[in-house]
Amino acid sequence: MPSGQLEVPALPVLIPLGTALMVVAAVVLHRRRALAPGRLVAAWAAGWYAVAVLGATMLPLDIAWGPEAGGPELFRFLLVPFLDMRVDDFILNAIMLLPLAAALRVVAGVRDRRRVVLTGFLLSLSIETIQALLLVFLHGDRWADVNDLMANTLGAWLGWLIIQGPAVSHALDRWAMTGQAEEPDPITRS
C-alpha cells in the first residue's frame, strides 16, 4: 500500500463554504417569502457560526496513511474525565457551543432545552468521533477528548439558558427562518 500525506488548509475550505451558506440562506428565505434584513443577517450569522465550529474542530487537517505514516499517536485519546483536563480548553469548548441554541432557534425553530442540549451533545460526539477515527486511521493531528464532550454539552445548555431572556428570545423569534409572519411588538401597538 503506498504512503501518502495530505494537508487540508482552513481558509480555502471555510471561506467558500461560508459564502455558499450565505447564498443558500438568501435563496431559502426568498422562496419562503420571508426575506427581511434581520432574518438574513441572523441566517448568515448561523451559517458562519457553523463554519467557525468546523474550522475550530477540524481544520487545518493534516493526515497521513500507509506504512511510512507510523502508528497512531494514542496519547491523543483522553477518555477519562477530569484526569488530563486542560481548564482553558474546557472553557473554550464550552464557549464554542454557547451560540448553538440561538442558531438552532433561528434556523430550525428549536426552543426546547432537551433538544438543544441533545443536539449539542450529538454534535460534540460526532466531532470527537471523527477526530478519533482520523487519529486512528489517517494519523490525524487532533485530540479525542471526553472533556471536550462534557464542555460542549455544558456550553449548549448555558447557551439555552442565555436565550431565555425576554429581549433575546423576542429578537430570535423575529429573525427566525421558520417562524410565523412577524407581528408588531405588543408594547408599540396602537
N, C-alpha and C. Protein backbone atom coordinates (compact mmCIF):
# COMPACT_ATOMS: atom_id res chain seq x y z
N MET A 1 0.85 -1.18 0.00
CA MET A 1 0.00 0.00 0.00
C MET A 1 0.89 1.24 0.00
N PRO A 2 0.67 2.13 -0.92
CA PRO A 2 1.51 3.33 -0.98
C PRO A 2 1.19 4.28 0.18
N SER A 3 2.21 5.02 0.58
CA SER A 3 2.05 6.01 1.64
C SER A 3 1.65 7.33 1.03
N GLY A 4 1.00 8.14 1.84
CA GLY A 4 0.62 9.47 1.37
C GLY A 4 0.41 10.41 2.52
N GLN A 5 0.35 11.66 2.16
CA GLN A 5 0.14 12.70 3.16
C GLN A 5 -0.67 13.80 2.50
N LEU A 6 -1.56 14.41 3.29
CA LEU A 6 -2.41 15.47 2.76
C LEU A 6 -2.61 16.52 3.85
N GLU A 7 -2.50 17.76 3.45
CA GLU A 7 -2.81 18.86 4.36
C GLU A 7 -3.98 19.63 3.76
N VAL A 8 -5.07 19.69 4.51
CA VAL A 8 -6.26 20.44 4.09
C VAL A 8 -6.23 21.77 4.83
N PRO A 9 -5.98 22.86 4.12
CA PRO A 9 -5.90 24.16 4.79
C PRO A 9 -7.29 24.67 5.20
N ALA A 10 -7.34 25.59 6.12
CA ALA A 10 -8.61 26.08 6.64
C ALA A 10 -9.30 27.07 5.70
N LEU A 11 -8.66 28.16 5.39
CA LEU A 11 -9.34 29.25 4.68
C LEU A 11 -9.86 28.87 3.29
N PRO A 12 -9.10 28.11 2.47
CA PRO A 12 -9.64 27.76 1.16
C PRO A 12 -10.88 26.86 1.23
N VAL A 13 -11.14 26.26 2.37
CA VAL A 13 -12.34 25.45 2.56
C VAL A 13 -13.44 26.29 3.21
N LEU A 14 -13.08 27.02 4.26
CA LEU A 14 -14.08 27.71 5.08
C LEU A 14 -14.71 28.91 4.39
N ILE A 15 -13.92 29.70 3.68
CA ILE A 15 -14.47 30.90 3.04
C ILE A 15 -15.48 30.54 1.95
N PRO A 16 -15.18 29.62 1.02
CA PRO A 16 -16.21 29.24 0.05
C PRO A 16 -17.44 28.59 0.70
N LEU A 17 -17.21 27.79 1.75
CA LEU A 17 -18.34 27.17 2.44
C LEU A 17 -19.24 28.23 3.08
N GLY A 18 -18.66 29.17 3.77
CA GLY A 18 -19.44 30.25 4.38
C GLY A 18 -20.18 31.07 3.35
N THR A 19 -19.53 31.36 2.25
CA THR A 19 -20.17 32.12 1.17
C THR A 19 -21.33 31.34 0.58
N ALA A 20 -21.13 30.04 0.37
CA ALA A 20 -22.21 29.19 -0.16
C ALA A 20 -23.39 29.15 0.80
N LEU A 21 -23.12 29.08 2.10
CA LEU A 21 -24.21 29.08 3.08
C LEU A 21 -24.96 30.40 3.08
N MET A 22 -24.28 31.50 2.82
CA MET A 22 -24.95 32.80 2.71
C MET A 22 -25.92 32.81 1.54
N VAL A 23 -25.47 32.28 0.41
CA VAL A 23 -26.33 32.22 -0.78
C VAL A 23 -27.53 31.31 -0.52
N VAL A 24 -27.29 30.15 0.08
CA VAL A 24 -28.38 29.22 0.37
C VAL A 24 -29.40 29.87 1.31
N ALA A 25 -28.93 30.56 2.33
CA ALA A 25 -29.85 31.23 3.27
C ALA A 25 -30.70 32.26 2.55
N ALA A 26 -30.09 33.05 1.67
CA ALA A 26 -30.86 34.06 0.93
C ALA A 26 -31.89 33.41 0.02
N VAL A 27 -31.51 32.34 -0.65
CA VAL A 27 -32.44 31.65 -1.54
C VAL A 27 -33.60 31.04 -0.76
N VAL A 28 -33.29 30.38 0.35
CA VAL A 28 -34.35 29.75 1.16
C VAL A 28 -35.31 30.81 1.69
N LEU A 29 -34.79 31.89 2.22
CA LEU A 29 -35.67 32.95 2.73
C LEU A 29 -36.49 33.57 1.60
N HIS A 30 -35.89 33.77 0.44
CA HIS A 30 -36.62 34.33 -0.70
C HIS A 30 -37.75 33.40 -1.12
N ARG A 31 -37.47 32.11 -1.21
CA ARG A 31 -38.51 31.15 -1.61
C ARG A 31 -39.64 31.05 -0.59
N ARG A 32 -39.33 31.26 0.66
CA ARG A 32 -40.37 31.24 1.70
C ARG A 32 -41.09 32.58 1.82
N ARG A 33 -40.70 33.51 1.00
CA ARG A 33 -41.23 34.88 1.05
C ARG A 33 -41.03 35.48 2.45
N ALA A 34 -39.89 35.22 3.01
CA ALA A 34 -39.56 35.70 4.35
C ALA A 34 -38.26 36.48 4.36
N LEU A 35 -37.84 36.94 3.20
CA LEU A 35 -36.58 37.65 3.11
C LEU A 35 -36.72 39.03 3.73
N ALA A 36 -36.04 39.22 4.83
CA ALA A 36 -36.01 40.50 5.54
C ALA A 36 -34.60 40.68 6.08
N PRO A 37 -34.16 41.92 6.21
CA PRO A 37 -32.77 42.14 6.64
C PRO A 37 -32.40 41.43 7.93
N GLY A 38 -33.24 41.49 8.95
CA GLY A 38 -32.94 40.85 10.23
C GLY A 38 -32.82 39.34 10.09
N ARG A 39 -33.74 38.74 9.35
CA ARG A 39 -33.70 37.28 9.15
C ARG A 39 -32.47 36.88 8.34
N LEU A 40 -32.16 37.67 7.33
CA LEU A 40 -31.00 37.35 6.50
C LEU A 40 -29.71 37.42 7.32
N VAL A 41 -29.56 38.46 8.10
CA VAL A 41 -28.36 38.61 8.93
C VAL A 41 -28.28 37.48 9.95
N ALA A 42 -29.41 37.12 10.56
CA ALA A 42 -29.42 36.03 11.54
C ALA A 42 -29.05 34.70 10.88
N ALA A 43 -29.58 34.44 9.70
CA ALA A 43 -29.25 33.21 8.98
C ALA A 43 -27.78 33.19 8.58
N TRP A 44 -27.28 34.33 8.13
CA TRP A 44 -25.85 34.41 7.79
C TRP A 44 -24.98 34.17 9.02
N ALA A 45 -25.37 34.76 10.15
CA ALA A 45 -24.60 34.57 11.39
C ALA A 45 -24.60 33.09 11.79
N ALA A 46 -25.75 32.43 11.66
CA ALA A 46 -25.82 31.00 12.00
C ALA A 46 -24.93 30.18 11.07
N GLY A 47 -24.92 30.52 9.79
CA GLY A 47 -24.07 29.81 8.83
C GLY A 47 -22.59 30.01 9.13
N TRP A 48 -22.19 31.23 9.40
CA TRP A 48 -20.78 31.49 9.71
C TRP A 48 -20.39 30.89 11.05
N TYR A 49 -21.35 30.79 11.96
CA TYR A 49 -21.09 30.09 13.22
C TYR A 49 -20.76 28.62 12.94
N ALA A 50 -21.55 27.97 12.09
CA ALA A 50 -21.28 26.57 11.73
C ALA A 50 -19.90 26.43 11.08
N VAL A 51 -19.57 27.37 10.23
CA VAL A 51 -18.25 27.36 9.57
C VAL A 51 -17.14 27.52 10.61
N ALA A 52 -17.36 28.41 11.58
CA ALA A 52 -16.35 28.62 12.62
C ALA A 52 -16.15 27.36 13.47
N VAL A 53 -17.24 26.66 13.79
CA VAL A 53 -17.11 25.42 14.56
C VAL A 53 -16.33 24.38 13.76
N LEU A 54 -16.65 24.26 12.48
CA LEU A 54 -15.90 23.34 11.63
C LEU A 54 -14.42 23.71 11.61
N GLY A 55 -14.13 24.98 11.45
CA GLY A 55 -12.74 25.42 11.42
C GLY A 55 -12.02 25.18 12.73
N ALA A 56 -12.71 25.41 13.84
CA ALA A 56 -12.09 25.24 15.15
C ALA A 56 -11.84 23.78 15.50
N THR A 57 -12.66 22.89 14.97
CA THR A 57 -12.57 21.49 15.38
C THR A 57 -11.88 20.58 14.37
N MET A 58 -11.83 20.97 13.12
CA MET A 58 -11.31 20.05 12.10
C MET A 58 -10.18 20.62 11.23
N LEU A 59 -10.12 21.91 11.07
CA LEU A 59 -9.18 22.47 10.11
C LEU A 59 -8.19 23.40 10.78
N PRO A 60 -6.97 23.49 10.26
CA PRO A 60 -6.43 22.71 9.16
C PRO A 60 -6.29 21.24 9.57
N LEU A 61 -6.32 20.40 8.58
CA LEU A 61 -6.29 18.96 8.80
C LEU A 61 -5.06 18.37 8.14
N ASP A 62 -4.22 17.75 8.96
CA ASP A 62 -3.05 17.04 8.44
C ASP A 62 -3.29 15.56 8.62
N ILE A 63 -3.29 14.81 7.52
CA ILE A 63 -3.49 13.37 7.60
C ILE A 63 -2.39 12.66 6.82
N ALA A 64 -2.16 11.41 7.19
CA ALA A 64 -1.15 10.58 6.51
C ALA A 64 -1.63 9.14 6.55
N TRP A 65 -1.19 8.35 5.58
CA TRP A 65 -1.57 6.94 5.53
C TRP A 65 -0.43 6.12 4.96
N GLY A 66 -0.55 4.84 5.14
CA GLY A 66 0.46 3.92 4.62
C GLY A 66 1.52 3.58 5.65
N PRO A 67 2.44 2.67 5.26
CA PRO A 67 3.45 2.18 6.21
C PRO A 67 4.38 3.27 6.73
N GLU A 68 4.67 4.26 5.95
CA GLU A 68 5.60 5.30 6.38
C GLU A 68 4.96 6.29 7.35
N ALA A 69 3.64 6.24 7.50
CA ALA A 69 2.96 7.17 8.39
C ALA A 69 3.18 6.83 9.86
N GLY A 70 3.57 5.60 10.14
CA GLY A 70 3.78 5.19 11.53
C GLY A 70 2.47 4.83 12.19
N GLY A 71 2.54 4.57 13.48
CA GLY A 71 1.34 4.20 14.23
C GLY A 71 0.59 5.43 14.73
N PRO A 72 -0.66 5.22 15.10
CA PRO A 72 -1.43 6.35 15.64
C PRO A 72 -0.86 6.80 16.99
N GLU A 73 -0.98 8.09 17.24
CA GLU A 73 -0.49 8.66 18.50
C GLU A 73 -1.58 8.51 19.55
N LEU A 74 -1.58 7.38 20.22
CA LEU A 74 -2.66 7.04 21.16
C LEU A 74 -2.72 7.96 22.38
N PHE A 75 -1.66 8.70 22.64
CA PHE A 75 -1.69 9.65 23.75
C PHE A 75 -2.69 10.78 23.49
N ARG A 76 -3.13 10.91 22.24
CA ARG A 76 -4.10 11.95 21.89
C ARG A 76 -5.53 11.56 22.26
N PHE A 77 -5.74 10.37 22.78
CA PHE A 77 -7.05 9.94 23.29
C PHE A 77 -7.11 10.26 24.77
N LEU A 78 -8.05 11.09 25.16
CA LEU A 78 -8.27 11.40 26.58
C LEU A 78 -9.67 10.92 26.93
N LEU A 79 -9.73 9.71 27.50
CA LEU A 79 -11.02 9.05 27.72
C LEU A 79 -11.50 9.09 29.17
N VAL A 80 -10.65 9.53 30.09
CA VAL A 80 -11.04 9.60 31.49
C VAL A 80 -11.33 11.05 31.85
N PRO A 81 -12.58 11.35 32.24
CA PRO A 81 -12.93 12.74 32.54
C PRO A 81 -12.08 13.32 33.66
N PHE A 82 -11.72 14.56 33.51
CA PHE A 82 -11.03 15.38 34.51
C PHE A 82 -9.57 14.99 34.74
N LEU A 83 -9.15 13.79 34.38
CA LEU A 83 -7.80 13.33 34.68
C LEU A 83 -6.75 14.21 33.99
N ASP A 84 -6.90 14.38 32.69
CA ASP A 84 -5.95 15.20 31.93
C ASP A 84 -6.61 16.46 31.39
N MET A 85 -7.60 16.96 32.11
CA MET A 85 -8.36 18.11 31.62
C MET A 85 -7.50 19.37 31.64
N ARG A 86 -7.54 20.07 30.52
CA ARG A 86 -6.90 21.37 30.41
C ARG A 86 -8.01 22.40 30.60
N VAL A 87 -7.95 23.17 31.67
CA VAL A 87 -9.04 24.08 32.06
C VAL A 87 -9.33 25.09 30.96
N ASP A 88 -8.29 25.66 30.36
CA ASP A 88 -8.53 26.65 29.32
C ASP A 88 -9.23 26.03 28.11
N ASP A 89 -8.88 24.81 27.75
CA ASP A 89 -9.58 24.12 26.65
C ASP A 89 -11.03 23.83 27.02
N PHE A 90 -11.28 23.45 28.27
CA PHE A 90 -12.64 23.18 28.73
C PHE A 90 -13.49 24.44 28.60
N ILE A 91 -12.97 25.56 29.04
CA ILE A 91 -13.71 26.83 28.96
C ILE A 91 -13.96 27.22 27.52
N LEU A 92 -12.95 27.11 26.67
CA LEU A 92 -13.12 27.46 25.25
C LEU A 92 -14.12 26.53 24.56
N ASN A 93 -14.12 25.25 24.91
CA ASN A 93 -15.08 24.33 24.31
C ASN A 93 -16.50 24.63 24.78
N ALA A 94 -16.66 25.05 26.01
CA ALA A 94 -18.00 25.45 26.48
C ALA A 94 -18.45 26.71 25.74
N ILE A 95 -17.57 27.67 25.59
CA ILE A 95 -17.90 28.91 24.90
C ILE A 95 -18.25 28.64 23.44
N MET A 96 -17.56 27.68 22.83
CA MET A 96 -17.78 27.38 21.41
C MET A 96 -19.24 27.01 21.13
N LEU A 97 -19.90 26.31 22.04
CA LEU A 97 -21.29 25.90 21.78
C LEU A 97 -22.32 26.80 22.44
N LEU A 98 -21.91 27.90 23.05
CA LEU A 98 -22.89 28.85 23.59
C LEU A 98 -23.86 29.35 22.51
N PRO A 99 -23.39 29.72 21.32
CA PRO A 99 -24.32 30.23 20.30
C PRO A 99 -25.20 29.17 19.65
N LEU A 100 -24.98 27.90 19.94
CA LEU A 100 -25.74 26.84 19.28
C LEU A 100 -27.24 27.00 19.49
N ALA A 101 -27.67 27.30 20.70
CA ALA A 101 -29.11 27.43 20.98
C ALA A 101 -29.73 28.53 20.13
N ALA A 102 -29.03 29.65 20.00
CA ALA A 102 -29.55 30.75 19.17
C ALA A 102 -29.60 30.34 17.70
N ALA A 103 -28.56 29.67 17.23
CA ALA A 103 -28.54 29.23 15.83
C ALA A 103 -29.66 28.23 15.55
N LEU A 104 -29.86 27.30 16.47
CA LEU A 104 -30.94 26.32 16.28
C LEU A 104 -32.31 27.00 16.28
N ARG A 105 -32.47 27.99 17.12
CA ARG A 105 -33.76 28.69 17.17
C ARG A 105 -34.01 29.49 15.90
N VAL A 106 -32.99 30.15 15.41
CA VAL A 106 -33.15 30.97 14.20
C VAL A 106 -33.34 30.11 12.96
N VAL A 107 -32.57 29.06 12.83
CA VAL A 107 -32.60 28.26 11.60
C VAL A 107 -33.70 27.20 11.61
N ALA A 108 -33.88 26.52 12.75
CA ALA A 108 -34.80 25.37 12.77
C ALA A 108 -35.97 25.54 13.73
N GLY A 109 -36.06 26.67 14.41
CA GLY A 109 -37.17 26.90 15.32
C GLY A 109 -37.11 26.08 16.60
N VAL A 110 -35.94 25.56 16.94
CA VAL A 110 -35.80 24.72 18.13
C VAL A 110 -35.80 25.60 19.38
N ARG A 111 -36.71 25.33 20.30
CA ARG A 111 -36.83 26.10 21.54
C ARG A 111 -36.62 25.24 22.78
N ASP A 112 -36.84 23.96 22.64
CA ASP A 112 -36.84 23.02 23.76
C ASP A 112 -35.43 22.79 24.31
N ARG A 113 -35.28 22.90 25.63
CA ARG A 113 -33.97 22.71 26.27
C ARG A 113 -33.40 21.34 25.96
N ARG A 114 -34.23 20.32 26.06
CA ARG A 114 -33.75 18.95 25.83
C ARG A 114 -33.19 18.80 24.42
N ARG A 115 -33.87 19.34 23.43
CA ARG A 115 -33.40 19.22 22.05
C ARG A 115 -32.11 19.99 21.82
N VAL A 116 -32.00 21.17 22.43
CA VAL A 116 -30.77 21.96 22.29
C VAL A 116 -29.59 21.23 22.91
N VAL A 117 -29.77 20.74 24.13
CA VAL A 117 -28.67 20.06 24.82
C VAL A 117 -28.33 18.75 24.11
N LEU A 118 -29.35 18.01 23.68
CA LEU A 118 -29.09 16.77 22.94
C LEU A 118 -28.36 17.06 21.63
N THR A 119 -28.77 18.10 20.93
CA THR A 119 -28.08 18.48 19.69
C THR A 119 -26.62 18.84 19.98
N GLY A 120 -26.39 19.60 21.04
CA GLY A 120 -25.02 19.95 21.42
C GLY A 120 -24.19 18.71 21.75
N PHE A 121 -24.80 17.79 22.50
CA PHE A 121 -24.11 16.54 22.84
C PHE A 121 -23.79 15.73 21.59
N LEU A 122 -24.79 15.56 20.71
CA LEU A 122 -24.57 14.75 19.50
C LEU A 122 -23.59 15.42 18.53
N LEU A 123 -23.64 16.74 18.43
CA LEU A 123 -22.67 17.45 17.60
C LEU A 123 -21.26 17.23 18.14
N SER A 124 -21.11 17.38 19.45
CA SER A 124 -19.80 17.18 20.07
C SER A 124 -19.34 15.73 19.94
N LEU A 125 -20.25 14.79 20.15
CA LEU A 125 -19.91 13.38 19.99
C LEU A 125 -19.46 13.08 18.57
N SER A 126 -20.13 13.67 17.60
CA SER A 126 -19.73 13.49 16.20
C SER A 126 -18.33 14.05 15.94
N ILE A 127 -18.08 15.23 16.47
CA ILE A 127 -16.76 15.86 16.29
C ILE A 127 -15.67 14.98 16.91
N GLU A 128 -15.89 14.56 18.15
CA GLU A 128 -14.88 13.74 18.84
C GLU A 128 -14.69 12.39 18.16
N THR A 129 -15.78 11.81 17.65
CA THR A 129 -15.69 10.52 16.95
C THR A 129 -14.91 10.67 15.66
N ILE A 130 -15.20 11.72 14.89
CA ILE A 130 -14.47 11.96 13.64
C ILE A 130 -12.99 12.20 13.95
N GLN A 131 -12.71 12.99 14.98
CA GLN A 131 -11.31 13.22 15.34
C GLN A 131 -10.62 11.92 15.74
N ALA A 132 -11.33 11.05 16.47
CA ALA A 132 -10.75 9.76 16.87
C ALA A 132 -10.50 8.88 15.66
N LEU A 133 -11.45 8.82 14.75
CA LEU A 133 -11.28 8.00 13.55
C LEU A 133 -10.14 8.51 12.69
N LEU A 134 -10.05 9.83 12.54
CA LEU A 134 -8.94 10.40 11.78
C LEU A 134 -7.61 10.10 12.46
N LEU A 135 -7.60 10.14 13.77
CA LEU A 135 -6.38 9.86 14.53
C LEU A 135 -5.93 8.42 14.32
N VAL A 136 -6.87 7.48 14.39
CA VAL A 136 -6.52 6.06 14.28
C VAL A 136 -6.20 5.66 12.85
N PHE A 137 -7.04 6.06 11.90
CA PHE A 137 -6.90 5.54 10.54
C PHE A 137 -6.09 6.43 9.59
N LEU A 138 -6.03 7.72 9.87
CA LEU A 138 -5.29 8.61 8.97
C LEU A 138 -4.26 9.46 9.71
N HIS A 139 -3.92 9.05 10.93
CA HIS A 139 -2.87 9.70 11.69
C HIS A 139 -3.09 11.20 11.81
N GLY A 140 -4.35 11.56 12.06
CA GLY A 140 -4.70 12.97 12.22
C GLY A 140 -3.98 13.59 13.41
N ASP A 141 -4.02 14.91 13.47
CA ASP A 141 -3.27 15.62 14.50
C ASP A 141 -4.17 16.27 15.55
N ARG A 142 -5.43 15.86 15.63
CA ARG A 142 -6.35 16.39 16.64
C ARG A 142 -6.38 15.46 17.85
N TRP A 143 -7.11 15.87 18.87
CA TRP A 143 -7.27 15.08 20.09
C TRP A 143 -8.71 14.60 20.18
N ALA A 144 -8.92 13.40 20.69
CA ALA A 144 -10.25 12.89 21.00
C ALA A 144 -10.39 12.93 22.52
N ASP A 145 -11.21 13.85 23.03
CA ASP A 145 -11.20 14.16 24.45
C ASP A 145 -12.61 14.15 25.02
N VAL A 146 -12.83 13.32 26.02
CA VAL A 146 -14.14 13.24 26.68
C VAL A 146 -14.45 14.56 27.39
N ASN A 147 -13.44 15.28 27.82
CA ASN A 147 -13.67 16.58 28.47
C ASN A 147 -14.28 17.59 27.50
N ASP A 148 -13.89 17.50 26.23
CA ASP A 148 -14.48 18.37 25.21
C ASP A 148 -15.97 18.06 25.06
N LEU A 149 -16.32 16.79 25.10
CA LEU A 149 -17.72 16.38 25.01
C LEU A 149 -18.53 16.98 26.15
N MET A 150 -17.99 16.92 27.35
CA MET A 150 -18.69 17.49 28.51
C MET A 150 -18.78 19.01 28.40
N ALA A 151 -17.69 19.66 28.00
CA ALA A 151 -17.67 21.11 27.90
C ALA A 151 -18.64 21.60 26.83
N ASN A 152 -18.64 20.94 25.68
CA ASN A 152 -19.55 21.34 24.60
C ASN A 152 -21.00 21.20 25.02
N THR A 153 -21.32 20.11 25.70
CA THR A 153 -22.69 19.89 26.16
C THR A 153 -23.08 20.95 27.18
N LEU A 154 -22.18 21.26 28.09
CA LEU A 154 -22.42 22.33 29.06
C LEU A 154 -22.64 23.66 28.35
N GLY A 155 -21.83 23.94 27.33
CA GLY A 155 -21.97 25.18 26.57
C GLY A 155 -23.32 25.28 25.88
N ALA A 156 -23.80 24.17 25.32
CA ALA A 156 -25.13 24.18 24.68
C ALA A 156 -26.21 24.49 25.70
N TRP A 157 -26.11 23.90 26.89
CA TRP A 157 -27.11 24.16 27.93
C TRP A 157 -27.04 25.61 28.41
N LEU A 158 -25.83 26.13 28.63
CA LEU A 158 -25.68 27.52 29.05
C LEU A 158 -26.21 28.48 27.98
N GLY A 159 -25.96 28.14 26.71
CA GLY A 159 -26.50 28.95 25.61
C GLY A 159 -28.01 28.97 25.63
N TRP A 160 -28.62 27.82 25.92
CA TRP A 160 -30.08 27.77 26.01
C TRP A 160 -30.57 28.66 27.15
N LEU A 161 -29.87 28.64 28.28
CA LEU A 161 -30.25 29.50 29.40
C LEU A 161 -30.19 30.97 29.01
N ILE A 162 -29.14 31.35 28.31
CA ILE A 162 -28.94 32.74 27.92
C ILE A 162 -30.08 33.24 27.03
N ILE A 163 -30.52 32.42 26.09
CA ILE A 163 -31.55 32.90 25.15
C ILE A 163 -32.94 32.87 25.75
N GLN A 164 -33.09 32.50 27.00
CA GLN A 164 -34.40 32.51 27.64
C GLN A 164 -34.81 33.92 28.07
N GLY A 165 -33.87 34.84 28.08
CA GLY A 165 -34.21 36.23 28.42
C GLY A 165 -35.21 36.78 27.42
N PRO A 166 -36.19 37.58 27.89
CA PRO A 166 -37.26 38.04 27.01
C PRO A 166 -36.77 38.83 25.79
N ALA A 167 -35.79 39.70 25.97
CA ALA A 167 -35.32 40.51 24.84
C ALA A 167 -34.64 39.64 23.79
N VAL A 168 -33.78 38.73 24.24
CA VAL A 168 -33.08 37.84 23.32
C VAL A 168 -34.07 36.91 22.63
N SER A 169 -34.97 36.34 23.40
CA SER A 169 -35.97 35.42 22.87
C SER A 169 -36.83 36.10 21.80
N HIS A 170 -37.26 37.32 22.09
CA HIS A 170 -38.09 38.06 21.14
C HIS A 170 -37.32 38.36 19.84
N ALA A 171 -36.07 38.78 19.98
CA ALA A 171 -35.26 39.08 18.79
C ALA A 171 -35.06 37.83 17.94
N LEU A 172 -34.74 36.71 18.60
CA LEU A 172 -34.52 35.47 17.84
C LEU A 172 -35.80 35.03 17.13
N ASP A 173 -36.93 35.18 17.78
CA ASP A 173 -38.20 34.80 17.15
C ASP A 173 -38.51 35.70 15.96
N ARG A 174 -38.20 36.97 16.06
CA ARG A 174 -38.44 37.90 14.94
C ARG A 174 -37.58 37.54 13.74
N TRP A 175 -36.36 37.06 14.02
CA TRP A 175 -35.41 36.79 12.94
C TRP A 175 -35.42 35.35 12.48
N ALA A 176 -36.25 34.52 13.08
CA ALA A 176 -36.23 33.08 12.76
C ALA A 176 -36.64 32.82 11.32
N MET A 177 -35.95 31.88 10.70
CA MET A 177 -36.27 31.49 9.32
C MET A 177 -37.55 30.67 9.26
N THR A 178 -37.89 30.00 10.35
CA THR A 178 -39.02 29.07 10.35
C THR A 178 -40.25 29.63 11.05
N GLY A 179 -40.18 30.82 11.59
CA GLY A 179 -41.28 31.36 12.38
C GLY A 179 -42.45 31.86 11.54
N GLN A 180 -43.47 32.25 12.25
CA GLN A 180 -44.64 32.83 11.60
C GLN A 180 -44.27 34.23 11.13
N ALA A 181 -45.22 34.84 10.46
CA ALA A 181 -45.00 36.20 9.99
C ALA A 181 -44.75 37.11 11.19
N GLU A 182 -43.89 38.09 10.97
CA GLU A 182 -43.55 38.99 12.07
C GLU A 182 -44.78 39.78 12.49
N GLU A 183 -44.99 39.87 13.80
CA GLU A 183 -46.09 40.67 14.34
C GLU A 183 -45.47 41.87 15.02
N PRO A 184 -46.21 42.97 15.05
CA PRO A 184 -45.69 44.15 15.74
C PRO A 184 -45.54 43.84 17.22
N ASP A 185 -44.62 44.54 17.84
CA ASP A 185 -44.40 44.39 19.26
C ASP A 185 -45.64 44.84 20.02
N PRO A 186 -46.13 44.05 21.01
CA PRO A 186 -47.37 44.41 21.70
C PRO A 186 -47.27 45.74 22.45
N ILE A 187 -46.10 46.14 22.82
CA ILE A 187 -45.93 47.39 23.56
C ILE A 187 -46.12 48.59 22.62
N THR A 188 -45.67 48.47 21.37
CA THR A 188 -45.74 49.59 20.45
C THR A 188 -47.02 49.59 19.62
N ARG A 189 -47.87 48.60 19.78
CA ARG A 189 -49.13 48.56 19.04
C ARG A 189 -50.05 49.69 19.50
N SER A 190 -50.80 50.25 18.57
CA SER A 190 -51.75 51.31 18.92
C SER A 190 -53.13 50.76 19.10
